[in-house]
Amino acid sequence: MRDDEYQAMFDLEQTLWWYRGMREITRGIIGPNLKPNENVQFLDAGCGTGFSVSWLKAQLNTEAGFGADLSRIAASFWSKQGLQTAAVSSISALPYVSDAFDLVTCFDVIYQLDTEGASAAVNEMARVLKPGGLLYIREPAYDWLRGSHDQAVATRHRYTLGELKRLLHSHGLAPMRATYANTLLFLPAVAHRLVSKASGGGASDVKPVGSWLNSTLGAILGVEAKLFRRFSAMFGLSAIVLARKER
């Protein structure tokens, strides 16, 4: 990922429609399966600027939130987030003991890894989960949807839901919920991605938009978040799986 992407994330992840909407979807899927409890321990694998750790702490009513990210640029933002429980580390070699966490989250990380690296990362996430613990993973969907943003963030592979489920299952993680997301905006997003791919360049999608558009797009993802409490989508821009460690 380009270094400037971390600054863009830090500047926008609290307010940009995509981040806010995807957090609501995360809340809707994890919430029914892991109740807030001060004894819950979780790890955000590939935690970036650390904002997700702070957000999850509030959602789960716990202070036992940890992070790991390979980027020292990302780590430079942790103090600004009040995060003191993160490590500069590859998620393919996590510096945590086995069977330590009730929940591991991974938000758009392994798509930057090759096949071997992605497998090693999922194996490590499974290792640090307690038996019966949960993994929530979200990755960009469909390799044919590559666009200029994928150049900016160094995409290696965008996943189908089937690929993601098979990868988790191969490491002893049993999918409980599986859905695509960002479905209602799928068609305009496809058009945008195909145009950006044809025009070349490496412009990131992480950039501010007008307040009315930010509110409108956020509201659309908010509708999805409510729907996903009961239903799953057959297509979308992101692939999401919630899985349980079997052993």
Protein backbone atom coordinates (compact mmCIF):
# COMPACT_ATOMS: atom_id res chain seq x y z
CA MET A 1 0.00 0.00 0.00
CA ARG A 2 1.27 3.49 -0.81
CA ASP A 3 2.41 5.47 2.21
CA ASP A 4 -0.04 8.32 1.51
CA GLU A 5 -2.96 5.91 1.83
CA TYR A 6 -2.44 5.68 5.59
CA GLN A 7 -2.79 9.44 5.96
CA ALA A 8 -5.94 9.36 3.84
CA MET A 9 -7.35 6.58 6.01
CA PHE A 10 -6.55 8.45 9.21
CA ASP A 11 -8.18 11.61 7.89
CA LEU A 12 -11.37 9.97 6.63
CA GLU A 13 -12.13 6.68 8.39
CA GLN A 14 -14.26 8.32 11.08
CA THR A 15 -16.47 10.24 8.65
CA LEU A 16 -16.37 8.81 5.10
CA TRP A 17 -19.55 6.98 4.11
CA TRP A 18 -17.80 3.74 3.16
CA TYR A 19 -15.99 3.32 6.47
CA ARG A 20 -19.04 4.25 8.54
CA GLY A 21 -21.36 2.02 6.53
CA MET A 22 -19.06 -0.99 6.62
CA ARG A 23 -18.69 -0.61 10.39
CA GLU A 24 -22.48 -0.80 10.68
CA ILE A 25 -22.45 -3.99 8.61
CA THR A 26 -19.70 -5.39 10.84
CA ARG A 27 -21.74 -4.55 13.94
CA GLY A 28 -24.82 -6.24 12.50
CA ILE A 29 -22.98 -9.49 11.74
CA ILE A 30 -20.74 -9.79 14.82
CA GLY A 31 -23.26 -8.42 17.33
CA PRO A 32 -25.66 -11.39 17.53
CA ASN A 33 -22.72 -13.80 17.91
CA LEU A 34 -20.50 -12.04 20.47
CA LYS A 35 -22.11 -10.07 23.26
CA PRO A 36 -20.27 -7.09 24.82
CA ASN A 37 -18.25 -8.23 27.82
CA GLU A 38 -15.27 -6.71 29.61
CA ASN A 39 -13.56 -10.11 29.46
CA VAL A 40 -13.64 -10.35 25.67
CA GLN A 41 -10.19 -10.26 24.10
CA PHE A 42 -9.81 -9.47 20.42
CA LEU A 43 -7.15 -8.86 17.78
CA ASP A 44 -7.42 -6.73 14.67
CA ALA A 45 -5.00 -8.34 12.21
CA GLY A 46 -3.66 -5.70 9.85
CA CYS A 47 -5.01 -2.89 12.03
CA GLY A 48 -3.77 0.01 9.88
CA THR A 49 -4.04 3.32 11.75
CA GLY A 50 -5.64 1.58 14.73
CA PHE A 51 -9.08 3.19 14.52
CA SER A 52 -10.84 -0.17 14.19
CA VAL A 53 -9.31 -1.33 17.47
CA SER A 54 -10.69 1.72 19.27
CA TRP A 55 -14.09 1.26 17.63
CA LEU A 56 -14.27 -2.44 18.51
CA LYS A 57 -13.32 -1.73 22.11
CA ALA A 58 -16.36 0.51 22.40
CA GLN A 59 -18.65 -1.98 20.65
CA LEU A 60 -17.54 -4.92 22.80
CA ASN A 61 -17.22 -2.96 26.05
CA THR A 62 -13.69 -4.22 26.63
CA GLU A 63 -10.21 -2.76 26.99
CA ALA A 64 -8.57 -6.01 25.85
CA GLY A 65 -8.19 -5.00 22.22
CA PHE A 66 -4.94 -5.63 20.34
CA GLY A 67 -3.61 -4.95 16.87
CA ALA A 68 -0.85 -5.95 14.48
CA ASP A 69 0.34 -4.32 11.29
CA LEU A 70 3.55 -4.61 9.29
CA SER A 71 3.69 -0.95 8.31
CA ARG A 72 5.69 1.46 10.45
CA ILE A 73 3.82 4.26 8.68
CA ALA A 74 0.58 2.81 10.04
CA ALA A 75 2.17 2.44 13.47
CA SER A 76 2.97 6.16 13.53
CA PHE A 77 -0.77 6.84 13.89
CA TRP A 78 -1.39 4.49 16.82
CA SER A 79 -0.55 7.01 19.53
CA LYS A 80 -3.00 9.46 17.95
CA GLN A 81 -5.68 6.79 18.34
CA GLY A 82 -4.66 6.11 21.95
CA LEU A 83 -3.60 2.61 20.93
CA GLN A 84 -0.83 1.11 23.05
CA THR A 85 -1.57 -2.58 22.52
CA ALA A 86 -0.45 -3.09 18.93
CA ALA A 87 2.67 -4.63 17.43
CA VAL A 88 4.58 -3.94 14.24
CA SER A 89 4.38 -7.42 12.80
CA SER A 90 3.42 -9.41 9.76
CA ILE A 91 0.04 -11.06 10.19
CA SER A 92 1.70 -14.19 8.81
CA ALA A 93 3.79 -14.39 12.01
CA LEU A 94 1.71 -12.87 14.79
CA PRO A 95 3.54 -12.12 18.07
CA TYR A 96 0.75 -13.53 20.23
CA VAL A 97 0.35 -16.86 22.00
CA SER A 98 -1.96 -19.56 20.69
CA ASP A 99 -5.60 -19.74 21.83
CA ALA A 100 -5.52 -16.15 23.12
CA PHE A 101 -8.47 -14.33 21.53
CA ASP A 102 -12.25 -14.61 21.47
CA LEU A 103 -12.38 -12.65 18.21
CA VAL A 104 -9.98 -11.86 15.39
CA THR A 105 -10.95 -9.30 12.77
CA CYS A 106 -9.28 -8.75 9.42
CA PHE A 107 -10.56 -5.82 7.38
CA ASP A 108 -9.32 -5.78 3.78
CA VAL A 109 -5.80 -7.12 4.35
CA ILE A 110 -5.05 -10.50 2.77
CA TYR A 111 -6.00 -9.27 -0.71
CA GLN A 112 -2.55 -7.62 -0.67
CA LEU A 113 -0.84 -11.00 -0.18
CA ASP A 114 0.01 -13.76 -2.61
CA THR A 115 -1.61 -17.18 -2.25
CA GLU A 116 1.05 -18.52 0.11
CA GLY A 117 1.03 -15.39 2.24
CA ALA A 118 -2.75 -15.33 2.51
CA SER A 119 -2.79 -18.97 3.63
CA ALA A 120 -0.08 -18.32 6.23
CA ALA A 121 -1.98 -15.29 7.53
CA VAL A 122 -5.26 -17.18 7.94
CA ASN A 123 -3.38 -20.02 9.63
CA GLU A 124 -1.95 -17.52 12.14
CA MET A 125 -5.36 -15.99 12.81
CA ALA A 126 -6.73 -19.46 13.48
CA ARG A 127 -3.78 -20.26 15.76
CA VAL A 128 -4.31 -17.27 18.05
CA LEU A 129 -8.07 -17.84 18.31
CA LYS A 130 -9.44 -19.74 21.28
CA PRO A 131 -11.34 -22.94 20.41
CA GLY A 132 -14.81 -21.72 19.54
CA GLY A 133 -13.50 -18.20 18.88
CA LEU A 134 -14.69 -16.12 15.94
CA LEU A 135 -12.92 -14.76 12.87
CA TYR A 136 -14.54 -11.90 10.98
CA ILE A 137 -12.86 -11.30 7.63
CA ARG A 138 -13.76 -8.85 4.87
CA GLU A 139 -11.97 -8.65 1.52
CA PRO A 140 -12.57 -6.89 -1.81
CA ALA A 141 -14.64 -9.01 -4.19
CA TYR A 142 -14.06 -10.21 -7.76
CA ASP A 143 -10.71 -9.97 -9.48
CA TRP A 144 -12.41 -8.65 -12.63
CA LEU A 145 -13.37 -5.52 -10.62
CA ARG A 146 -9.79 -4.27 -10.42
CA GLY A 147 -9.49 -0.53 -10.97
CA SER A 148 -7.16 2.37 -10.26
CA HIS A 149 -7.77 2.02 -6.51
CA ASP A 150 -6.29 -1.49 -6.64
CA GLN A 151 -3.06 -0.02 -8.00
CA ALA A 152 -2.96 2.48 -5.13
CA VAL A 153 -3.36 -0.20 -2.47
CA ALA A 154 -1.25 -2.91 -4.17
CA THR A 155 -4.02 -5.48 -4.67
CA ARG A 156 -2.79 -9.03 -5.35
CA HIS A 157 -6.14 -10.81 -5.47
CA ARG A 158 -9.81 -9.89 -5.00
CA TYR A 159 -11.84 -12.78 -3.57
CA THR A 160 -15.08 -14.50 -4.40
CA LEU A 161 -17.08 -15.59 -1.38
CA GLY A 162 -16.45 -19.22 -2.30
CA GLU A 163 -12.68 -18.70 -2.37
CA LEU A 164 -12.74 -17.00 1.01
CA LYS A 165 -14.86 -19.74 2.61
CA ARG A 166 -12.62 -22.48 1.23
CA LEU A 167 -9.51 -20.70 2.51
CA LEU A 168 -10.92 -20.43 6.03
CA HIS A 169 -12.20 -24.00 6.06
CA SER A 170 -8.75 -25.30 5.08
CA HIS A 171 -7.42 -23.88 8.37
CA GLY A 172 -10.08 -25.30 10.67
CA LEU A 173 -12.44 -22.32 10.54
CA ALA A 174 -16.10 -23.17 9.96
CA PRO A 175 -18.11 -20.39 8.21
CA MET A 176 -21.20 -19.33 10.15
CA ARG A 177 -22.26 -16.33 8.05
CA ALA A 178 -21.13 -15.51 4.54
CA THR A 179 -22.33 -12.61 2.44
CA TYR A 180 -21.31 -10.07 -0.10
CA ALA A 181 -21.75 -6.42 0.87
CA ASN A 182 -22.00 -3.01 -0.77
CA THR A 183 -24.61 -4.58 -3.01
CA LEU A 184 -27.09 -1.73 -3.57
CA LEU A 185 -24.32 0.38 -5.09
CA PHE A 186 -22.85 -2.48 -7.10
CA LEU A 187 -23.80 -1.40 -10.63
CA PRO A 188 -22.58 2.21 -10.44
CA ALA A 189 -19.43 1.00 -8.69
CA VAL A 190 -18.78 -1.53 -11.47
CA ALA A 191 -19.10 1.24 -14.05
CA HIS A 192 -16.69 3.43 -12.09
CA ARG A 193 -14.14 0.65 -11.71
CA LEU A 194 -14.24 -0.34 -15.37
CA VAL A 195 -13.81 3.27 -16.49
CA SER A 196 -10.90 3.79 -14.08
CA LYS A 197 -9.30 0.57 -15.30
CA ALA A 198 -9.56 1.66 -18.92
CA SER A 199 -8.19 5.14 -18.22
CA GLY A 200 -5.16 3.82 -16.32
CA GLY A 201 -3.46 5.63 -13.44
CA GLY A 202 -3.52 4.75 -9.77
CA ALA A 203 -5.98 7.10 -8.10
CA SER A 204 -7.32 5.97 -4.73
CA ASP A 205 -11.03 5.80 -3.89
CA VAL A 206 -10.26 6.97 -0.35
CA LYS A 207 -11.02 10.65 -0.78
CA PRO A 208 -13.61 13.08 0.57
CA VAL A 209 -16.96 13.59 -1.13
CA GLY A 210 -19.60 16.28 -0.74
CA SER A 211 -21.61 16.18 2.49
CA TRP A 212 -24.93 15.39 0.76
CA LEU A 213 -23.37 12.54 -1.22
CA ASN A 214 -21.55 11.26 1.87
CA SER A 215 -24.84 11.18 3.79
CA THR A 216 -26.75 9.53 0.93
CA LEU A 217 -24.22 6.79 0.31
CA GLY A 218 -23.86 6.19 4.04
CA ALA A 219 -27.63 5.82 4.37
CA ILE A 220 -27.65 3.22 1.59
CA LEU A 221 -25.04 1.13 3.40
CA GLY A 222 -27.06 1.64 6.59
CA VAL A 223 -30.03 -0.03 4.88
CA GLU A 224 -27.78 -2.95 3.91
CA ALA A 225 -26.56 -3.27 7.49
CA LYS A 226 -30.15 -3.73 8.68
CA LEU A 227 -30.93 -6.22 5.92
CA PHE A 228 -27.81 -8.30 6.65
CA ARG A 229 -29.04 -9.02 10.16
CA ARG A 230 -31.45 -11.46 8.53
CA PHE A 231 -30.38 -11.94 4.91
CA SER A 232 -27.24 -12.49 2.85
CA ALA A 233 -26.39 -10.95 -0.52
CA MET A 234 -25.45 -12.99 -3.60
CA PHE A 235 -23.12 -10.31 -5.01
CA GLY A 236 -21.41 -7.09 -3.95
CA LEU A 237 -18.13 -5.21 -3.78
CA SER A 238 -16.91 -6.93 -0.60
CA ALA A 239 -16.88 -10.57 0.51
CA ILE A 240 -17.49 -11.14 4.24
CA VAL A 241 -17.28 -14.33 6.28
CA LEU A 242 -17.81 -14.89 9.99
CA ALA A 243 -16.27 -18.22 10.97
CA ARG A 244 -15.74 -20.22 14.17
CA LYS A 245 -12.58 -22.10 15.15
CA GLU A 246 -13.49 -25.76 15.29
CA ARG A 247 -10.62 -26.98 17.43
